[in-house]
Amino acid sequence: MKSLLQPEDLVVLLPLTTLDRRDVTKTASRKLAESFAWSGYCVGDTIFYDNFDDFEEDRWTHELWQPGTVNGEFQQYVNSRDNSYAQDSTLHIKVTADSNPVRSARMITSNSFAFKYGILEIRAKLPEGDWLWPAMWLLPKDSVYGGWPRSGEIDMIESRGNRQLTVDNGNIGVQQVASTLHWGPSTSSDAFMHATASKNNNAGYASDFHVYRVEWTKDHMKFTVDGEEIFSVYPSDSGFYGLGQLDGQENPWGGANNYKMAPFDQQFYIILNMAVGGNDFFPDNSNNPSGKPWSNTSPTASSDFWNARDQWLSTWQGDDAHLQVDYVKVFAV
């Protein structure tokens, strides 16, 4: 049976190092990729796999950002083996606080791999540490429908590293993971509240590895952790425009070939990163044992955070404060 994933749905610019556990060389893998790119994949085929036996910078591009580039985040993104490296077949993304600003890594596959429809599976151990913000997610390779959020965003998994961060309805720190879709005709009309959900685990998601999945097809998306559903979306014929209750606003997706799924009907690439702080993700009304050292509306939030490092730095303990990724796989559907 041929997959719904056809050659035009896939971009593979670089060789796969491992394919469905077959022992192939990089040259052979390239030939396989080229062959499959012309013939299409079968359901269940692995179309991307990285088990981090090596740290391949030709596969993962490092984005270099200054603090405050998005969401008022406090970290600087760099390409340094102090902040991203492979060890014992595991990717580590680590925040360092040797100086202000703190440094971290944001790794993307935009130059090597993008896909439309498939199952993205990541086995990972999330970090524990106050104000750490790990994320595994996707952005469109080409903003076909326009700038954010018109062309969509798929947040596979996000979490907060605080052990005891709470709001009135419970723990929103390491005991919770969340999945979200972003879309809308403008930044002020992002309809994410119609496609977001969280899942809590009393043991926390930083104590062990867990398997995170997003199943993305021509008619639905489903997010799971360890096989348990976080949420799923099955748009009606009115598509994401209807799901987002956007009546009366511009419809950027009216001419889409797959209107039901637009803007999630284009190629997306994978992102792994760890942010710190910011002006939105950590609510001001949350409770933390040592307090929250900045206000989301403060013009000096970043320096307030840094000046309070005696409160949070001790919570970043060794590898437990790293985003650790065992593997990243994409399967054809």
C-alpha atoms as a PDB file:
ATOM      1  CA  MET A   1       0.000   0.000   0.000  1.00  0.00           C
ATOM      2  CA  LYS A   2       1.399   3.369  -0.973  1.00  0.00           C
ATOM      3  CA  SER A   3       1.579   6.074   1.642  1.00  0.00           C
ATOM      4  CA  LEU A   4      -0.332   9.313   1.493  1.00  0.00           C
ATOM      5  CA  LEU A   5       3.133  10.830   1.662  1.00  0.00           C
ATOM      6  CA  GLN A   6       4.254  11.421  -1.906  1.00  0.00           C
ATOM      7  CA  PRO A   7       7.501  12.853  -3.304  1.00  0.00           C
ATOM      8  CA  GLU A   8       6.176  16.411  -3.315  1.00  0.00           C
ATOM      9  CA  ASP A   9       5.398  16.089   0.405  1.00  0.00           C
ATOM     10  CA  LEU A  10       8.989  15.369   1.415  1.00  0.00           C
ATOM     11  CA  VAL A  11      12.267  17.216   1.389  1.00  0.00           C
ATOM     12  CA  VAL A  12      15.389  15.155   2.132  1.00  0.00           C
ATOM     13  CA  LEU A  13      18.494  17.141   1.318  1.00  0.00           C
ATOM     14  CA  LEU A  14      21.015  15.085   3.259  1.00  0.00           C
ATOM     15  CA  PRO A  15      21.549  11.333   3.782  1.00  0.00           C
ATOM     16  CA  LEU A  16      19.908   9.379   6.553  1.00  0.00           C
ATOM     17  CA  THR A  17      22.471   7.634   8.727  1.00  0.00           C
ATOM     18  CA  THR A  18      20.109   4.846   9.820  1.00  0.00           C
ATOM     19  CA  LEU A  19      16.920   3.659   8.147  1.00  0.00           C
ATOM     20  CA  ASP A  20      14.560   1.190   9.809  1.00  0.00           C
ATOM     21  CA  ARG A  21      17.465  -0.381  11.731  1.00  0.00           C
ATOM     22  CA  ARG A  22      19.188  -1.361   8.501  1.00  0.00           C
ATOM     23  CA  ASP A  23      22.947  -1.117   8.584  1.00  0.00           C
ATOM     24  CA  VAL A  24      23.653   1.112   5.624  1.00  0.00           C
ATOM     25  CA  THR A  25      26.471   3.462   4.816  1.00  0.00           C
ATOM     26  CA  LYS A  26      25.860   7.153   4.280  1.00  0.00           C
ATOM     27  CA  THR A  27      26.356   6.673   0.552  1.00  0.00           C
ATOM     28  CA  ALA A  28      23.867   3.818   0.406  1.00  0.00           C
ATOM     29  CA  SER A  29      21.475   5.771   2.580  1.00  0.00           C
ATOM     30  CA  ARG A  30      21.639   8.696   0.186  1.00  0.00           C
ATOM     31  CA  LYS A  31      20.792   6.378  -2.712  1.00  0.00           C
ATOM     32  CA  LEU A  32      17.868   4.958  -0.766  1.00  0.00           C
ATOM     33  CA  ALA A  33      16.623   8.442   0.042  1.00  0.00           C
ATOM     34  CA  GLU A  34      16.908   9.515  -3.583  1.00  0.00           C
ATOM     35  CA  SER A  35      15.103   6.377  -4.747  1.00  0.00           C
ATOM     36  CA  PHE A  36      12.287   6.759  -2.223  1.00  0.00           C
ATOM     37  CA  ALA A  37      11.951  10.457  -3.013  1.00  0.00           C
ATOM     38  CA  TRP A  38      10.958   9.457  -6.539  1.00  0.00           C
ATOM     39  CA  SER A  39       8.885   6.371  -5.777  1.00  0.00           C
ATOM     40  CA  GLY A  40       7.040   7.431  -2.624  1.00  0.00           C
ATOM     41  CA  TYR A  41       7.070   5.666   0.742  1.00  0.00           C
ATOM     42  CA  CYS A  42       5.030   2.813   2.124  1.00  0.00           C
ATOM     43  CA  VAL A  43       3.008   3.224   5.286  1.00  0.00           C
ATOM     44  CA  GLY A  44       5.244   2.740   8.324  1.00  0.00           C
ATOM     45  CA  ASP A  45       8.526   3.412   6.515  1.00  0.00           C
ATOM     46  CA  THR A  46      11.065   5.442   8.457  1.00  0.00           C
ATOM     47  CA  ILE A  47      11.752   8.593   6.468  1.00  0.00           C
ATOM     48  CA  PHE A  48      13.962  10.314   9.049  1.00  0.00           C
ATOM     49  CA  TYR A  49      15.953   8.832  11.923  1.00  0.00           C
ATOM     50  CA  ASP A  50      18.655  10.256  14.146  1.00  0.00           C
ATOM     51  CA  ASN A  51      19.806   8.264  17.173  1.00  0.00           C
ATOM     52  CA  PHE A  52      22.630  10.714  17.936  1.00  0.00           C
ATOM     53  CA  ASP A  53      25.453   8.205  17.716  1.00  0.00           C
ATOM     54  CA  ASP A  54      27.252  11.200  16.241  1.00  0.00           C
ATOM     55  CA  PHE A  55      26.625  14.921  16.383  1.00  0.00           C
ATOM     56  CA  GLU A  56      25.809  15.799  12.791  1.00  0.00           C
ATOM     57  CA  GLU A  57      25.901  19.531  12.162  1.00  0.00           C
ATOM     58  CA  ASP A  58      25.037  18.982   8.501  1.00  0.00           C
ATOM     59  CA  ARG A  59      21.683  17.588   9.628  1.00  0.00           C
ATOM     60  CA  TRP A  60      20.936  20.017  12.462  1.00  0.00           C
ATOM     61  CA  THR A  61      21.439  23.714  11.834  1.00  0.00           C
ATOM     62  CA  HIS A  62      22.015  25.905  14.889  1.00  0.00           C
ATOM     63  CA  GLU A  63      20.076  29.146  14.917  1.00  0.00           C
ATOM     64  CA  LEU A  64      22.016  32.042  16.425  1.00  0.00           C
ATOM     65  CA  TRP A  65      19.788  34.465  18.320  1.00  0.00           C
ATOM     66  CA  GLN A  66      20.205  37.215  20.841  1.00  0.00           C
ATOM     67  CA  PRO A  67      18.076  37.439  24.003  1.00  0.00           C
ATOM     68  CA  GLY A  68      14.602  38.841  23.482  1.00  0.00           C
ATOM     69  CA  THR A  69      14.332  37.747  19.844  1.00  0.00           C
ATOM     70  CA  VAL A  70      11.001  36.056  20.577  1.00  0.00           C
ATOM     71  CA  ASN A  71       8.757  35.894  23.646  1.00  0.00           C
ATOM     72  CA  GLY A  72      11.144  38.123  25.589  1.00  0.00           C
ATOM     73  CA  GLU A  73      13.282  35.035  26.304  1.00  0.00           C
ATOM     74  CA  PHE A  74      16.466  35.525  28.319  1.00  0.00           C
ATOM     75  CA  GLN A  75      18.862  33.106  26.589  1.00  0.00           C
ATOM     76  CA  GLN A  76      21.304  33.625  23.755  1.00  0.00           C
ATOM     77  CA  TYR A  77      21.270  30.789  21.208  1.00  0.00           C
ATOM     78  CA  VAL A  78      24.773  29.718  20.181  1.00  0.00           C
ATOM     79  CA  ASN A  79      26.519  26.931  18.291  1.00  0.00           C
ATOM     80  CA  SER A  80      28.834  25.573  20.969  1.00  0.00           C
ATOM     81  CA  ARG A  81      29.533  22.062  22.195  1.00  0.00           C
ATOM     82  CA  ASP A  82      29.148  23.510  25.692  1.00  0.00           C
ATOM     83  CA  ASN A  83      25.444  23.802  24.934  1.00  0.00           C
ATOM     84  CA  SER A  84      24.658  21.037  22.425  1.00  0.00           C
ATOM     85  CA  TYR A  85      26.473  17.738  22.024  1.00  0.00           C
ATOM     86  CA  ALA A  86      26.011  13.982  21.632  1.00  0.00           C
ATOM     87  CA  GLN A  87      27.132  11.691  24.435  1.00  0.00           C
ATOM     88  CA  ASP A  88      26.420   7.959  24.760  1.00  0.00           C
ATOM     89  CA  SER A  89      24.003   8.121  21.804  1.00  0.00           C
ATOM     90  CA  THR A  90      21.994  10.882  23.429  1.00  0.00           C
ATOM     91  CA  LEU A  91      21.647  14.498  22.380  1.00  0.00           C
ATOM     92  CA  HIS A  92      22.117  16.991  25.209  1.00  0.00           C
ATOM     93  CA  ILE A  93      20.891  20.574  25.037  1.00  0.00           C
ATOM     94  CA  LYS A  94      22.242  22.445  28.024  1.00  0.00           C
ATOM     95  CA  VAL A  95      21.885  25.992  29.316  1.00  0.00           C
ATOM     96  CA  THR A  96      25.077  27.535  30.705  1.00  0.00           C
ATOM     97  CA  ALA A  97      25.095  30.480  33.096  1.00  0.00           C
ATOM     98  CA  ASP A  98      28.765  31.464  33.189  1.00  0.00           C
ATOM     99  CA  SER A  99      27.854  35.017  32.219  1.00  0.00           C
ATOM    100  CA  ASN A 100      24.893  37.194  31.302  1.00  0.00           C
ATOM    101  CA  PRO A 101      23.051  36.311  29.105  1.00  0.00           C
ATOM    102  CA  VAL A 102      22.709  32.600  29.737  1.00  0.00           C
ATOM    103  CA  ARG A 103      23.450  30.475  26.676  1.00  0.00           C
ATOM    104  CA  SER A 104      21.554  27.620  25.081  1.00  0.00           C
ATOM    105  CA  ALA A 105      20.943  25.905  21.728  1.00  0.00           C
ATOM    106  CA  ARG A 106      18.168  25.821  19.150  1.00  0.00           C
ATOM    107  CA  MET A 107      18.623  23.111  16.508  1.00  0.00           C
ATOM    108  CA  ILE A 108      16.530  22.836  13.335  1.00  0.00           C
ATOM    109  CA  THR A 109      16.318  20.581  10.257  1.00  0.00           C
ATOM    110  CA  SER A 110      15.179  23.265   7.799  1.00  0.00           C
ATOM    111  CA  ASN A 111      18.253  22.785   5.585  1.00  0.00           C
ATOM    112  CA  SER A 112      18.210  18.980   5.613  1.00  0.00           C
ATOM    113  CA  PHE A 113      14.696  17.623   6.141  1.00  0.00           C
ATOM    114  CA  ALA A 114      11.075  18.727   6.033  1.00  0.00           C
ATOM    115  CA  PHE A 115       7.891  16.730   5.564  1.00  0.00           C
ATOM    116  CA  LYS A 116       4.147  16.984   5.101  1.00  0.00           C
ATOM    117  CA  TYR A 117       2.066  14.330   6.899  1.00  0.00           C
ATOM    118  CA  GLY A 118       3.721  11.613   8.939  1.00  0.00           C
ATOM    119  CA  ILE A 119       4.302  10.489  12.517  1.00  0.00           C
ATOM    120  CA  LEU A 120       7.005  12.356  14.394  1.00  0.00           C
ATOM    121  CA  GLU A 121       8.267  10.367  17.383  1.00  0.00           C
ATOM    122  CA  ILE A 122      10.832  11.622  19.891  1.00  0.00           C
ATOM    123  CA  ARG A 123      12.065   9.765  22.960  1.00  0.00           C
ATOM    124  CA  ALA A 124      13.326  12.355  25.391  1.00  0.00           C
ATOM    125  CA  LYS A 125      13.967  13.205  29.024  1.00  0.00           C
ATOM    126  CA  LEU A 126      12.890  16.726  29.861  1.00  0.00           C
ATOM    127  CA  PRO A 127      15.023  18.997  32.047  1.00  0.00           C
ATOM    128  CA  GLU A 128      14.455  19.912  35.675  1.00  0.00           C
ATOM    129  CA  GLY A 129      15.514  23.399  36.714  1.00  0.00           C
ATOM    130  CA  ASP A 130      13.725  26.620  37.505  1.00  0.00           C
ATOM    131  CA  TRP A 131      12.640  28.681  34.493  1.00  0.00           C
ATOM    132  CA  LEU A 132      13.921  26.220  31.868  1.00  0.00           C
ATOM    133  CA  TRP A 133      11.589  25.932  28.870  1.00  0.00           C
ATOM    134  CA  PRO A 134      12.278  22.878  26.658  1.00  0.00           C
ATOM    135  CA  ALA A 135      10.410  22.516  23.386  1.00  0.00           C
ATOM    136  CA  MET A 136      10.167  20.000  20.545  1.00  0.00           C
ATOM    137  CA  TRP A 137       8.125  21.439  17.712  1.00  0.00           C
ATOM    138  CA  LEU A 138       7.744  22.279  14.008  1.00  0.00           C
ATOM    139  CA  LEU A 139       7.555  25.363  11.803  1.00  0.00           C
ATOM    140  CA  PRO A 140       6.685  25.663   8.094  1.00  0.00           C
ATOM    141  CA  LYS A 141       9.592  25.378   5.694  1.00  0.00           C
ATOM    142  CA  ASP A 142       7.958  27.976   3.458  1.00  0.00           C
ATOM    143  CA  SER A 143       5.475  30.477   4.823  1.00  0.00           C
ATOM    144  CA  VAL A 144       3.034  29.798   1.997  1.00  0.00           C
ATOM    145  CA  TYR A 145       0.153  31.594   3.705  1.00  0.00           C
ATOM    146  CA  GLY A 146       2.196  34.453   5.134  1.00  0.00           C
ATOM    147  CA  GLY A 147       4.003  35.276   8.363  1.00  0.00           C
ATOM    148  CA  TRP A 148       3.262  33.831  11.778  1.00  0.00           C
ATOM    149  CA  PRO A 149       0.711  32.512  12.618  1.00  0.00           C
ATOM    150  CA  ARG A 150      -0.863  32.412   9.132  1.00  0.00           C
ATOM    151  CA  SER A 151       1.323  29.478   8.038  1.00  0.00           C
ATOM    152  CA  GLY A 152       0.952  27.572  11.306  1.00  0.00           C
ATOM    153  CA  GLU A 153       3.063  26.192  14.129  1.00  0.00           C
ATOM    154  CA  ILE A 154       2.979  22.675  15.613  1.00  0.00           C
ATOM    155  CA  ASP A 155       4.100  22.540  19.248  1.00  0.00           C
ATOM    156  CA  MET A 156       4.615  18.844  19.792  1.00  0.00           C
ATOM    157  CA  ILE A 157       5.726  19.191  23.425  1.00  0.00           C
ATOM    158  CA  GLU A 158       6.603  22.043  25.764  1.00  0.00           C
ATOM    159  CA  SER A 159       7.262  21.999  29.484  1.00  0.00           C
ATOM    160  CA  ARG A 160       8.480  24.140  32.372  1.00  0.00           C
ATOM    161  CA  GLY A 161      11.480  22.911  34.341  1.00  0.00           C
ATOM    162  CA  ASN A 162      10.386  24.053  37.801  1.00  0.00           C
ATOM    163  CA  ARG A 163       9.787  21.194  40.207  1.00  0.00           C
ATOM    164  CA  GLN A 164       7.127  22.970  42.273  1.00  0.00           C
ATOM    165  CA  LEU A 165       5.616  25.622  40.004  1.00  0.00           C
ATOM    166  CA  THR A 166       1.879  25.749  40.656  1.00  0.00           C
ATOM    167  CA  VAL A 167      -1.262  27.699  39.886  1.00  0.00           C
ATOM    168  CA  ASP A 168      -4.692  27.239  41.418  1.00  0.00           C
ATOM    169  CA  ASN A 169      -5.440  24.130  39.348  1.00  0.00           C
ATOM    170  CA  GLY A 170      -2.182  22.317  40.123  1.00  0.00           C
ATOM    171  CA  ASN A 171       1.409  21.795  39.033  1.00  0.00           C
ATOM    172  CA  ILE A 172       2.427  23.432  35.749  1.00  0.00           C
ATOM    173  CA  GLY A 173       6.131  22.596  36.077  1.00  0.00           C
ATOM    174  CA  VAL A 174       7.928  19.321  35.315  1.00  0.00           C
ATOM    175  CA  GLN A 175       4.796  17.337  36.152  1.00  0.00           C
ATOM    176  CA  GLN A 176       3.073  18.783  33.090  1.00  0.00           C
ATOM    177  CA  VAL A 177       3.601  18.681  29.325  1.00  0.00           C
ATOM    178  CA  ALA A 178       1.525  20.548  26.780  1.00  0.00           C
ATOM    179  CA  SER A 179       0.844  20.329  23.050  1.00  0.00           C
ATOM    180  CA  THR A 180      -0.535  23.187  20.960  1.00  0.00           C
ATOM    181  CA  LEU A 181      -1.327  24.287  17.425  1.00  0.00           C
ATOM    182  CA  HIS A 182      -0.998  27.932  16.417  1.00  0.00           C
ATOM    183  CA  TRP A 183      -2.792  29.435  13.423  1.00  0.00           C
ATOM    184  CA  GLY A 184      -4.732  32.545  12.527  1.00  0.00           C
ATOM    185  CA  PRO A 185      -4.861  35.469  10.090  1.00  0.00           C
ATOM    186  CA  SER A 186      -2.838  37.737  12.428  1.00  0.00           C
ATOM    187  CA  THR A 187      -0.862  37.666  15.667  1.00  0.00           C
ATOM    188  CA  SER A 188      -3.835  39.152  17.498  1.00  0.00           C
ATOM    189  CA  SER A 189      -6.131  36.372  16.271  1.00  0.00           C
ATOM    190  CA  ASP A 190      -3.970  33.326  17.015  1.00  0.00           C
ATOM    191  CA  ALA A 191      -6.570  30.592  17.561  1.00  0.00           C
ATOM    192  CA  PHE A 192      -4.378  28.310  19.694  1.00  0.00           C
ATOM    193  CA  MET A 193      -6.905  28.146  22.537  1.00  0.00           C
ATOM    194  CA  HIS A 194      -9.035  25.911  20.303  1.00  0.00           C
ATOM    195  CA  ALA A 195      -6.246  23.324  19.916  1.00  0.00           C
ATOM    196  CA  THR A 196      -4.182  23.010  23.064  1.00  0.00           C
ATOM    197  CA  ALA A 197      -4.103  20.583  25.977  1.00  0.00           C
ATOM    198  CA  SER A 198      -1.819  19.469  28.775  1.00  0.00           C
ATOM    199  CA  LYS A 199      -1.169  16.212  30.606  1.00  0.00           C
ATOM    200  CA  ASN A 200       0.159  15.773  34.140  1.00  0.00           C
ATOM    201  CA  ASN A 201       2.244  12.991  35.630  1.00  0.00           C
ATOM    202  CA  ASN A 202       2.924  12.989  39.380  1.00  0.00           C
ATOM    203  CA  ALA A 203       6.386  11.510  38.854  1.00  0.00           C
ATOM    204  CA  GLY A 204       7.217  14.312  36.447  1.00  0.00           C
ATOM    205  CA  TYR A 205       8.577  14.179  32.930  1.00  0.00           C
ATOM    206  CA  ALA A 206      12.134  14.956  34.041  1.00  0.00           C
ATOM    207  CA  SER A 207      12.668  11.754  36.024  1.00  0.00           C
ATOM    208  CA  ASP A 208      12.867   9.409  33.021  1.00  0.00           C
ATOM    209  CA  PHE A 209      12.630   9.188  29.236  1.00  0.00           C
ATOM    210  CA  HIS A 210       9.198   9.305  27.613  1.00  0.00           C
ATOM    211  CA  VAL A 211       8.023   8.777  24.049  1.00  0.00           C
ATOM    212  CA  TYR A 212       6.279  11.774  22.504  1.00  0.00           C
ATOM    213  CA  ARG A 213       4.358  11.531  19.238  1.00  0.00           C
ATOM    214  CA  VAL A 214       2.399  13.678  16.865  1.00  0.00           C
ATOM    215  CA  GLU A 215       0.407  11.819  14.219  1.00  0.00           C
ATOM    216  CA  TRP A 216      -0.252  14.183  11.312  1.00  0.00           C
ATOM    217  CA  THR A 217      -2.408  13.071   8.391  1.00  0.00           C
ATOM    218  CA  LYS A 218      -4.531  14.628   5.659  1.00  0.00           C
ATOM    219  CA  ASP A 219      -7.511  14.803   8.003  1.00  0.00           C
ATOM    220  CA  HIS A 220      -6.314  14.980  11.622  1.00  0.00           C
ATOM    221  CA  MET A 221      -3.585  15.511  14.189  1.00  0.00           C
ATOM    222  CA  LYS A 222      -3.121  13.481  17.357  1.00  0.00           C
ATOM    223  CA  PHE A 223      -0.630  14.160  20.166  1.00  0.00           C
ATOM    224  CA  THR A 224       0.419  11.439  22.626  1.00  0.00           C
ATOM    225  CA  VAL A 225       2.936  10.696  25.356  1.00  0.00           C
ATOM    226  CA  ASP A 226       3.796   7.047  26.057  1.00  0.00           C
ATOM    227  CA  GLY A 227       0.796   6.066  23.959  1.00  0.00           C
ATOM    228  CA  GLU A 228      -1.650   8.127  26.023  1.00  0.00           C
ATOM    229  CA  GLU A 229      -3.503  10.848  24.169  1.00  0.00           C
ATOM    230  CA  ILE A 230      -2.929  14.492  25.054  1.00  0.00           C
ATOM    231  CA  PHE A 231      -5.419  15.717  22.482  1.00  0.00           C
ATOM    232  CA  SER A 232      -6.470  15.271  18.885  1.00  0.00           C
ATOM    233  CA  VAL A 233      -7.968  17.518  16.213  1.00  0.00           C
ATOM    234  CA  TYR A 234     -10.283  16.357  13.424  1.00  0.00           C
ATOM    235  CA  PRO A 235     -11.297  19.517  11.547  1.00  0.00           C
ATOM    236  CA  SER A 236     -14.681  19.606   9.835  1.00  0.00           C
ATOM    237  CA  ASP A 237     -15.182  20.760   6.254  1.00  0.00           C
ATOM    238  CA  SER A 238     -14.842  24.326   7.558  1.00  0.00           C
ATOM    239  CA  GLY A 239     -11.208  23.533   8.329  1.00  0.00           C
ATOM    240  CA  PHE A 240      -9.060  25.331  10.848  1.00  0.00           C
ATOM    241  CA  TYR A 241     -10.813  28.566   9.938  1.00  0.00           C
ATOM    242  CA  GLY A 242     -14.004  27.143  11.391  1.00  0.00           C
ATOM    243  CA  LEU A 243     -12.236  25.407  14.276  1.00  0.00           C
ATOM    244  CA  GLY A 244     -10.671  28.702  15.285  1.00  0.00           C
ATOM    245  CA  GLN A 245     -14.039  30.491  15.193  1.00  0.00           C
ATOM    246  CA  LEU A 246     -12.567  33.087  12.863  1.00  0.00           C
ATOM    247  CA  ASP A 247     -15.812  34.090  11.123  1.00  0.00           C
ATOM    248  CA  GLY A 248     -15.705  37.649   9.851  1.00  0.00           C
ATOM    249  CA  GLN A 249     -11.912  37.710   9.638  1.00  0.00           C
ATOM    250  CA  GLU A 250      -9.668  37.266   6.628  1.00  0.00           C
ATOM    251  CA  ASN A 251      -9.280  33.650   5.522  1.00  0.00           C
ATOM    252  CA  PRO A 252      -5.683  33.103   4.317  1.00  0.00           C
ATOM    253  CA  TRP A 253      -6.353  29.445   3.440  1.00  0.00           C
ATOM    254  CA  GLY A 254      -9.312  29.784   1.057  1.00  0.00           C
ATOM    255  CA  GLY A 255      -7.372  28.495  -1.944  1.00  0.00           C
ATOM    256  CA  ALA A 256      -5.636  25.600  -0.181  1.00  0.00           C
ATOM    257  CA  ASN A 257      -5.614  22.211  -1.898  1.00  0.00           C
ATOM    258  CA  ASN A 258      -6.419  20.535   1.426  1.00  0.00           C
ATOM    259  CA  TYR A 259      -8.579  23.230   2.967  1.00  0.00           C
ATOM    260  CA  LYS A 260      -9.593  21.013   5.874  1.00  0.00           C
ATOM    261  CA  MET A 261      -6.004  20.903   7.213  1.00  0.00           C
ATOM    262  CA  ALA A 262      -4.633  24.254   6.004  1.00  0.00           C
ATOM    263  CA  PRO A 263      -2.316  25.794   7.081  1.00  0.00           C
ATOM    264  CA  PHE A 264      -1.105  22.357   8.213  1.00  0.00           C
ATOM    265  CA  ASP A 265      -0.994  21.097   4.625  1.00  0.00           C
ATOM    266  CA  GLN A 266       2.563  22.185   3.853  1.00  0.00           C
ATOM    267  CA  GLN A 267       6.065  20.941   4.647  1.00  0.00           C
ATOM    268  CA  PHE A 268       7.288  21.574   8.193  1.00  0.00           C
ATOM    269  CA  TYR A 269      10.740  21.124   9.725  1.00  0.00           C
ATOM    270  CA  ILE A 270      11.746  19.921  13.205  1.00  0.00           C
ATOM    271  CA  ILE A 271      13.034  22.126  16.032  1.00  0.00           C
ATOM    272  CA  LEU A 272      14.670  21.098  19.321  1.00  0.00           C
ATOM    273  CA  ASN A 273      15.526  23.877  21.745  1.00  0.00           C
ATOM    274  CA  MET A 274      15.647  25.020  25.341  1.00  0.00           C
ATOM    275  CA  ALA A 275      14.623  28.567  26.158  1.00  0.00           C
ATOM    276  CA  VAL A 276      14.824  30.343  29.506  1.00  0.00           C
ATOM    277  CA  GLY A 277      12.202  32.592  31.061  1.00  0.00           C
ATOM    278  CA  GLY A 278      10.458  35.101  28.849  1.00  0.00           C
ATOM    279  CA  ASN A 279       7.475  37.406  29.080  1.00  0.00           C
ATOM    280  CA  ASP A 280       4.577  34.969  28.725  1.00  0.00           C
ATOM    281  CA  PHE A 281       5.195  31.255  29.297  1.00  0.00           C
ATOM    282  CA  PHE A 282       5.755  31.514  33.070  1.00  0.00           C
ATOM    283  CA  PRO A 283       2.645  33.189  34.537  1.00  0.00           C
ATOM    284  CA  ASP A 284       3.072  36.013  37.016  1.00  0.00           C
ATOM    285  CA  ASN A 285       0.319  34.487  39.162  1.00  0.00           C
ATOM    286  CA  SER A 286       2.179  31.170  39.530  1.00  0.00           C
ATOM    287  CA  ASN A 287       3.709  30.049  42.821  1.00  0.00           C
ATOM    288  CA  ASN A 288       7.326  28.900  43.148  1.00  0.00           C
ATOM    289  CA  PRO A 289       9.141  28.135  46.443  1.00  0.00           C
ATOM    290  CA  SER A 290      11.798  30.807  45.832  1.00  0.00           C
ATOM    291  CA  GLY A 291       9.430  33.195  44.095  1.00  0.00           C
ATOM    292  CA  LYS A 292       9.527  34.463  40.518  1.00  0.00           C
ATOM    293  CA  PRO A 293      12.355  36.993  40.092  1.00  0.00           C
ATOM    294  CA  TRP A 294      10.819  39.015  37.267  1.00  0.00           C
ATOM    295  CA  SER A 295       7.493  40.337  36.074  1.00  0.00           C
ATOM    296  CA  ASN A 296       6.347  39.567  32.551  1.00  0.00           C
ATOM    297  CA  THR A 297       5.605  43.245  31.971  1.00  0.00           C
ATOM    298  CA  SER A 298       8.886  44.566  33.375  1.00  0.00           C
ATOM    299  CA  PRO A 299      11.240  46.323  30.922  1.00  0.00           C
ATOM    300  CA  THR A 300      14.141  44.959  33.003  1.00  0.00           C
ATOM    301  CA  ALA A 301      12.910  41.351  33.191  1.00  0.00           C
ATOM    302  CA  SER A 302      16.112  39.833  31.774  1.00  0.00           C
ATOM    303  CA  SER A 303      18.422  41.666  34.169  1.00  0.00           C
ATOM    304  CA  ASP A 304      16.035  41.014  37.077  1.00  0.00           C
ATOM    305  CA  PHE A 305      16.282  37.312  36.277  1.00  0.00           C
ATOM    306  CA  TRP A 306      20.085  37.363  36.087  1.00  0.00           C
ATOM    307  CA  ASN A 307      20.486  39.365  39.287  1.00  0.00           C
ATOM    308  CA  ALA A 308      18.422  36.757  41.138  1.00  0.00           C
ATOM    309  CA  ARG A 309      20.560  33.810  40.003  1.00  0.00           C
ATOM    310  CA  ASP A 310      21.216  32.798  43.609  1.00  0.00           C
ATOM    311  CA  GLN A 311      17.548  31.800  43.673  1.00  0.00           C
ATOM    312  CA  TRP A 312      17.482  29.557  40.601  1.00  0.00           C
ATOM    313  CA  LEU A 313      20.980  28.467  39.575  1.00  0.00           C
ATOM    314  CA  SER A 314      21.209  25.821  42.304  1.00  0.00           C
ATOM    315  CA  THR A 315      18.166  24.081  40.795  1.00  0.00           C
ATOM    316  CA  TRP A 316      20.115  23.356  37.578  1.00  0.00           C
ATOM    317  CA  GLN A 317      21.796  20.124  38.654  1.00  0.00           C
ATOM    318  CA  GLY A 318      24.077  18.418  36.115  1.00  0.00           C
ATOM    319  CA  ASP A 319      22.547  16.305  33.351  1.00  0.00           C
ATOM    320  CA  ASP A 320      19.142  16.501  35.027  1.00  0.00           C
ATOM    321  CA  ALA A 321      18.947  20.103  33.821  1.00  0.00           C
ATOM    322  CA  HIS A 322      19.577  19.070  30.196  1.00  0.00           C
ATOM    323  CA  LEU A 323      17.051  18.323  27.484  1.00  0.00           C
ATOM    324  CA  GLN A 324      18.153  14.785  26.581  1.00  0.00           C
ATOM    325  CA  VAL A 325      16.973  13.216  23.328  1.00  0.00           C
ATOM    326  CA  ASP A 326      17.443   9.507  22.654  1.00  0.00           C
ATOM    327  CA  TYR A 327      16.162   9.601  19.071  1.00  0.00           C
ATOM    328  CA  VAL A 328      14.050  11.479  16.563  1.00  0.00           C
ATOM    329  CA  LYS A 329      12.050   9.473  14.008  1.00  0.00           C
ATOM    330  CA  VAL A 330       9.524  10.290  11.320  1.00  0.00           C
ATOM    331  CA  PHE A 331       7.320   7.527   9.866  1.00  0.00           C
ATOM    332  CA  ALA A 332       5.244   7.625   6.692  1.00  0.00           C
ATOM    333  CA  VAL A 333       1.456   7.448   7.104  1.00  0.00           C
END
